[in-house]
């Protein structure tokens, strides 16, 4: 699973704090994780882009994923049939992030 986060942060250290919270939320289905990139987002000040790859337990994804997503944001846009991608953004009407610091999150199932 590939995850791209856009994090409201003034430094890489602040971005990593939000990333650790994301890892904790996914911990019940997380088998392995790799940080691919953490860098300032060139289009916006005080926003970092964080890209990670997570290996998740496939036998538990169905039962736990919706609860995990609800801990991040209340509204998700789903793409594909079956779903191959999820998106939550602060620009989506009525989307509220439960996890402080995230501006947008995109999850792609590989």
N, C-alpha and C. Protein backbone atom coordinates (compact mmCIF):
# COMPACT_ATOMS: atom_id res chain seq x y z
N UNK A 1 0.85 -1.16 0.00
CA UNK A 1 0.00 0.00 0.00
C UNK A 1 0.90 1.23 0.00
N UNK A 2 0.65 2.13 -0.93
CA UNK A 2 1.42 3.37 -1.03
C UNK A 2 0.59 4.50 -0.44
N UNK A 3 1.19 5.31 0.42
CA UNK A 3 0.49 6.41 1.07
C UNK A 3 1.26 7.70 0.84
N UNK A 4 0.55 8.71 0.37
CA UNK A 4 1.13 10.05 0.22
C UNK A 4 0.37 10.98 1.15
N UNK A 5 1.11 11.62 2.04
CA UNK A 5 0.54 12.56 3.00
C UNK A 5 0.99 13.97 2.67
N UNK A 6 0.11 14.91 2.81
CA UNK A 6 0.47 16.32 2.78
C UNK A 6 0.23 16.81 4.20
N UNK A 7 1.31 17.21 4.86
CA UNK A 7 1.29 17.47 6.29
C UNK A 7 1.54 18.96 6.54
N UNK A 8 0.71 19.58 7.38
CA UNK A 8 0.95 20.94 7.82
C UNK A 8 2.09 20.89 8.84
N UNK A 9 3.27 21.37 8.43
CA UNK A 9 4.44 21.31 9.30
C UNK A 9 5.44 22.38 8.89
N UNK A 10 6.15 22.89 9.89
CA UNK A 10 7.18 23.90 9.63
C UNK A 10 8.55 23.27 9.45
N UNK A 11 8.68 21.99 9.78
CA UNK A 11 9.97 21.31 9.69
C UNK A 11 9.76 19.83 9.43
N UNK A 12 10.84 19.16 9.05
CA UNK A 12 10.78 17.71 8.85
C UNK A 12 10.45 17.01 10.17
N UNK A 13 10.96 17.55 11.26
CA UNK A 13 10.68 16.96 12.58
C UNK A 13 9.19 16.97 12.86
N UNK A 14 8.52 18.07 12.60
CA UNK A 14 7.06 18.15 12.79
C UNK A 14 6.34 17.18 11.87
N UNK A 15 6.79 17.05 10.64
CA UNK A 15 6.18 16.12 9.69
C UNK A 15 6.33 14.69 10.19
N UNK A 16 7.48 14.36 10.77
CA UNK A 16 7.70 13.00 11.30
C UNK A 16 6.80 12.69 12.50
N UNK A 17 6.47 13.70 13.29
CA UNK A 17 5.56 13.49 14.42
C UNK A 17 4.19 13.04 13.90
N UNK A 18 3.69 13.71 12.86
CA UNK A 18 2.40 13.32 12.27
C UNK A 18 2.52 11.92 11.66
N UNK A 19 3.62 11.64 10.99
CA UNK A 19 3.83 10.33 10.38
C UNK A 19 3.79 9.22 11.43
N UNK A 20 4.41 9.43 12.56
CA UNK A 20 4.38 8.42 13.63
C UNK A 20 2.96 8.16 14.11
N UNK A 21 2.13 9.20 14.14
CA UNK A 21 0.73 9.02 14.52
C UNK A 21 0.00 8.15 13.49
N UNK A 22 0.32 8.35 12.21
CA UNK A 22 -0.28 7.53 11.15
C UNK A 22 0.14 6.07 11.33
N UNK A 23 1.43 5.85 11.59
CA UNK A 23 1.90 4.48 11.81
C UNK A 23 1.19 3.83 13.00
N UNK A 24 0.96 4.59 14.07
CA UNK A 24 0.26 4.04 15.24
C UNK A 24 -1.18 3.65 14.88
N UNK A 25 -1.84 4.46 14.08
CA UNK A 25 -3.22 4.17 13.69
C UNK A 25 -3.29 2.87 12.88
N UNK A 26 -2.30 2.64 12.01
CA UNK A 26 -2.28 1.45 11.17
C UNK A 26 -1.63 0.25 11.86
N UNK A 27 -1.13 0.40 13.07
CA UNK A 27 -0.31 -0.64 13.72
C UNK A 27 -1.00 -2.00 13.81
N UNK A 28 -2.32 -2.04 13.94
CA UNK A 28 -3.00 -3.33 14.08
C UNK A 28 -2.96 -4.19 12.82
N UNK A 29 -2.72 -3.57 11.66
CA UNK A 29 -2.64 -4.34 10.41
C UNK A 29 -1.29 -4.17 9.72
N UNK A 30 -0.39 -3.43 10.33
CA UNK A 30 0.90 -3.11 9.72
C UNK A 30 1.92 -4.21 9.96
N UNK A 31 2.48 -4.73 8.86
CA UNK A 31 3.53 -5.74 8.97
C UNK A 31 4.92 -5.13 8.77
N UNK A 32 5.01 -4.15 7.88
CA UNK A 32 6.28 -3.52 7.60
C UNK A 32 6.01 -2.13 7.03
N UNK A 33 6.99 -1.23 7.16
CA UNK A 33 6.83 0.12 6.64
C UNK A 33 8.16 0.64 6.13
N UNK A 34 8.08 1.52 5.14
CA UNK A 34 9.27 2.16 4.59
C UNK A 34 8.93 3.60 4.26
N UNK A 35 9.76 4.52 4.74
CA UNK A 35 9.60 5.93 4.41
C UNK A 35 10.35 6.19 3.11
N UNK A 36 9.64 6.63 2.10
CA UNK A 36 10.25 6.89 0.79
C UNK A 36 10.73 8.32 0.65
N UNK A 37 9.97 9.27 1.23
CA UNK A 37 10.30 10.67 1.05
C UNK A 37 9.66 11.52 2.14
N UNK A 38 10.41 12.49 2.62
CA UNK A 38 9.88 13.55 3.48
C UNK A 38 10.57 14.83 3.02
N UNK A 39 9.80 15.73 2.43
CA UNK A 39 10.41 16.97 1.94
C UNK A 39 9.37 18.08 1.88
N UNK A 40 9.83 19.34 1.89
CA UNK A 40 8.87 20.45 1.78
C UNK A 40 8.12 20.36 0.45
N UNK A 41 6.84 20.69 0.50
CA UNK A 41 6.02 20.70 -0.71
C UNK A 41 6.24 22.05 -1.39
N UNK A 42 6.72 22.03 -2.61
CA UNK A 42 7.14 23.24 -3.30
C UNK A 42 6.00 24.20 -3.62
N UNK A 43 4.76 23.71 -3.62
CA UNK A 43 3.64 24.58 -3.98
C UNK A 43 3.09 25.39 -2.80
N UNK A 44 3.38 24.94 -1.56
CA UNK A 44 2.79 25.60 -0.39
C UNK A 44 3.82 25.72 0.73
N UNK A 45 3.84 26.87 1.36
CA UNK A 45 4.68 27.06 2.53
C UNK A 45 4.12 26.26 3.70
N UNK A 46 5.02 25.76 4.54
CA UNK A 46 4.68 25.04 5.76
C UNK A 46 3.83 23.79 5.51
N UNK A 47 4.06 23.16 4.36
CA UNK A 47 3.45 21.87 4.04
C UNK A 47 4.56 20.94 3.58
N UNK A 48 4.58 19.74 4.15
CA UNK A 48 5.55 18.71 3.77
C UNK A 48 4.82 17.58 3.07
N UNK A 49 5.49 16.99 2.09
CA UNK A 49 4.96 15.80 1.45
C UNK A 49 5.73 14.61 2.02
N UNK A 50 4.97 13.60 2.42
CA UNK A 50 5.54 12.40 3.01
C UNK A 50 5.01 11.22 2.23
N UNK A 51 5.92 10.40 1.70
CA UNK A 51 5.52 9.22 0.95
C UNK A 51 6.04 7.98 1.67
N UNK A 52 5.15 7.04 1.87
CA UNK A 52 5.51 5.80 2.57
C UNK A 52 4.90 4.60 1.87
N UNK A 53 5.55 3.48 2.05
CA UNK A 53 5.02 2.21 1.59
C UNK A 53 4.79 1.35 2.82
N UNK A 54 3.60 0.78 2.92
CA UNK A 54 3.27 -0.06 4.06
C UNK A 54 2.82 -1.43 3.57
N UNK A 55 3.36 -2.45 4.19
CA UNK A 55 2.90 -3.81 3.96
C UNK A 55 1.90 -4.12 5.05
N UNK A 56 0.68 -4.48 4.65
CA UNK A 56 -0.38 -4.72 5.64
C UNK A 56 -0.85 -6.16 5.56
N UNK A 57 -1.39 -6.62 6.68
CA UNK A 57 -1.93 -7.99 6.77
C UNK A 57 -3.18 -8.08 5.91
N UNK A 58 -3.12 -8.83 4.86
CA UNK A 58 -4.26 -8.92 3.94
C UNK A 58 -5.46 -9.60 4.57
N UNK A 59 -5.24 -10.53 5.47
CA UNK A 59 -6.38 -11.24 6.05
C UNK A 59 -7.16 -10.37 7.04
N UNK A 60 -6.62 -9.24 7.44
CA UNK A 60 -7.32 -8.38 8.40
C UNK A 60 -7.78 -7.07 7.80
N UNK A 61 -7.42 -6.80 6.56
CA UNK A 61 -7.71 -5.48 5.99
C UNK A 61 -9.20 -5.18 5.93
N UNK A 62 -10.00 -6.13 5.51
CA UNK A 62 -11.43 -5.90 5.36
C UNK A 62 -12.08 -5.50 6.68
N UNK A 63 -11.75 -6.21 7.73
CA UNK A 63 -12.43 -5.99 9.01
C UNK A 63 -11.96 -4.73 9.74
N UNK A 64 -10.75 -4.28 9.52
CA UNK A 64 -10.21 -3.18 10.31
C UNK A 64 -10.01 -1.88 9.55
N UNK A 65 -9.96 -1.92 8.23
CA UNK A 65 -9.60 -0.73 7.47
C UNK A 65 -10.58 0.42 7.68
N UNK A 66 -11.86 0.17 7.67
CA UNK A 66 -12.83 1.26 7.85
C UNK A 66 -12.66 1.95 9.21
N UNK A 67 -12.40 1.18 10.25
CA UNK A 67 -12.17 1.79 11.58
C UNK A 67 -10.90 2.63 11.58
N UNK A 68 -9.88 2.15 10.88
CA UNK A 68 -8.63 2.90 10.78
C UNK A 68 -8.86 4.21 10.03
N UNK A 69 -9.57 4.13 8.91
CA UNK A 69 -9.83 5.34 8.13
C UNK A 69 -10.62 6.36 8.92
N UNK A 70 -11.58 5.92 9.73
CA UNK A 70 -12.38 6.81 10.55
C UNK A 70 -11.54 7.54 11.60
N UNK A 71 -10.40 6.98 11.97
CA UNK A 71 -9.49 7.63 12.92
C UNK A 71 -8.68 8.73 12.25
N UNK A 72 -8.68 8.75 10.92
CA UNK A 72 -7.92 9.75 10.19
C UNK A 72 -8.82 10.88 9.71
N UNK A 73 -9.92 10.54 9.02
CA UNK A 73 -10.83 11.54 8.49
C UNK A 73 -12.24 10.97 8.42
N UNK A 74 -13.23 11.86 8.42
CA UNK A 74 -14.62 11.41 8.41
C UNK A 74 -15.17 11.19 7.01
N UNK A 75 -14.47 11.67 5.98
CA UNK A 75 -15.00 11.57 4.63
C UNK A 75 -13.88 11.17 3.67
N UNK A 76 -14.10 10.09 2.94
CA UNK A 76 -13.12 9.57 1.99
C UNK A 76 -13.75 9.44 0.61
N UNK A 77 -13.00 9.79 -0.40
CA UNK A 77 -13.42 9.56 -1.79
C UNK A 77 -12.76 8.26 -2.22
N UNK A 78 -13.56 7.37 -2.78
CA UNK A 78 -13.07 6.07 -3.21
C UNK A 78 -13.03 6.02 -4.74
N UNK A 79 -11.95 5.45 -5.27
CA UNK A 79 -11.77 5.34 -6.72
C UNK A 79 -11.64 3.87 -7.10
N UNK A 80 -12.28 3.48 -8.19
CA UNK A 80 -12.18 2.13 -8.72
C UNK A 80 -13.27 1.21 -8.23
N UNK A 81 -13.46 0.12 -8.96
CA UNK A 81 -14.41 -0.92 -8.58
C UNK A 81 -13.82 -2.26 -8.96
N UNK A 82 -13.18 -2.96 -8.06
CA UNK A 82 -13.09 -2.68 -6.62
C UNK A 82 -12.19 -1.47 -6.34
N UNK A 83 -12.31 -0.95 -5.14
CA UNK A 83 -11.59 0.26 -4.74
C UNK A 83 -10.08 0.01 -4.80
N UNK A 84 -9.38 0.91 -5.52
CA UNK A 84 -7.92 0.82 -5.62
C UNK A 84 -7.22 2.04 -5.03
N UNK A 85 -8.02 3.07 -4.70
CA UNK A 85 -7.43 4.30 -4.20
C UNK A 85 -8.43 5.03 -3.31
N UNK A 86 -7.89 5.67 -2.26
CA UNK A 86 -8.70 6.46 -1.34
C UNK A 86 -8.08 7.85 -1.21
N UNK A 87 -8.93 8.85 -1.00
CA UNK A 87 -8.45 10.22 -0.86
C UNK A 87 -9.29 10.95 0.18
N UNK A 88 -8.61 11.63 1.09
CA UNK A 88 -9.26 12.55 2.03
C UNK A 88 -8.49 13.86 1.94
N UNK A 89 -9.22 14.97 1.83
CA UNK A 89 -8.58 16.26 1.64
C UNK A 89 -9.33 17.35 2.38
N UNK A 90 -8.58 18.33 2.89
CA UNK A 90 -9.23 19.44 3.58
C UNK A 90 -9.99 20.34 2.61
N UNK A 91 -9.84 20.13 1.32
CA UNK A 91 -10.60 20.90 0.34
C UNK A 91 -11.92 20.22 -0.05
N UNK A 92 -12.13 18.99 0.41
CA UNK A 92 -13.38 18.28 0.16
C UNK A 92 -14.44 18.79 1.14
N UNK A 93 -15.60 19.09 0.61
CA UNK A 93 -16.69 19.62 1.44
C UNK A 93 -17.01 18.68 2.59
N UNK A 94 -17.07 19.22 3.79
CA UNK A 94 -17.42 18.52 5.03
C UNK A 94 -16.40 17.46 5.45
N UNK A 95 -15.20 17.49 4.91
CA UNK A 95 -14.17 16.55 5.33
C UNK A 95 -13.46 17.12 6.56
N UNK A 96 -13.47 16.35 7.62
CA UNK A 96 -12.84 16.75 8.88
C UNK A 96 -11.78 15.72 9.23
N UNK A 97 -10.57 16.19 9.48
CA UNK A 97 -9.49 15.29 9.88
C UNK A 97 -9.51 15.09 11.38
N UNK A 98 -9.53 13.83 11.81
CA UNK A 98 -9.44 13.49 13.22
C UNK A 98 -7.98 13.53 13.67
N UNK A 99 -7.10 13.31 12.72
CA UNK A 99 -5.67 13.30 12.99
C UNK A 99 -5.12 14.68 12.65
N UNK A 100 -4.74 15.42 13.66
CA UNK A 100 -4.27 16.79 13.49
C UNK A 100 -2.97 16.82 12.67
N UNK A 101 -2.88 17.78 11.78
CA UNK A 101 -1.67 17.99 11.00
C UNK A 101 -1.77 17.55 9.56
N UNK A 102 -2.78 16.78 9.21
CA UNK A 102 -2.88 16.29 7.83
C UNK A 102 -3.74 17.27 7.01
N UNK A 103 -3.23 17.61 5.85
CA UNK A 103 -3.95 18.45 4.90
C UNK A 103 -4.64 17.57 3.85
N UNK A 104 -3.95 16.51 3.43
CA UNK A 104 -4.51 15.58 2.46
C UNK A 104 -3.79 14.25 2.60
N UNK A 105 -4.52 13.15 2.36
CA UNK A 105 -3.92 11.82 2.36
C UNK A 105 -4.49 11.04 1.19
N UNK A 106 -3.59 10.40 0.46
CA UNK A 106 -3.95 9.56 -0.68
C UNK A 106 -3.39 8.17 -0.42
N UNK A 107 -4.24 7.15 -0.49
CA UNK A 107 -3.83 5.78 -0.26
C UNK A 107 -4.09 4.98 -1.54
N UNK A 108 -3.06 4.31 -2.03
CA UNK A 108 -3.18 3.50 -3.23
C UNK A 108 -2.87 2.06 -2.86
N UNK A 109 -3.79 1.17 -3.19
CA UNK A 109 -3.58 -0.25 -2.93
C UNK A 109 -2.85 -0.83 -4.13
N UNK A 110 -1.74 -1.49 -3.88
CA UNK A 110 -0.92 -2.02 -4.96
C UNK A 110 -1.20 -3.47 -5.20
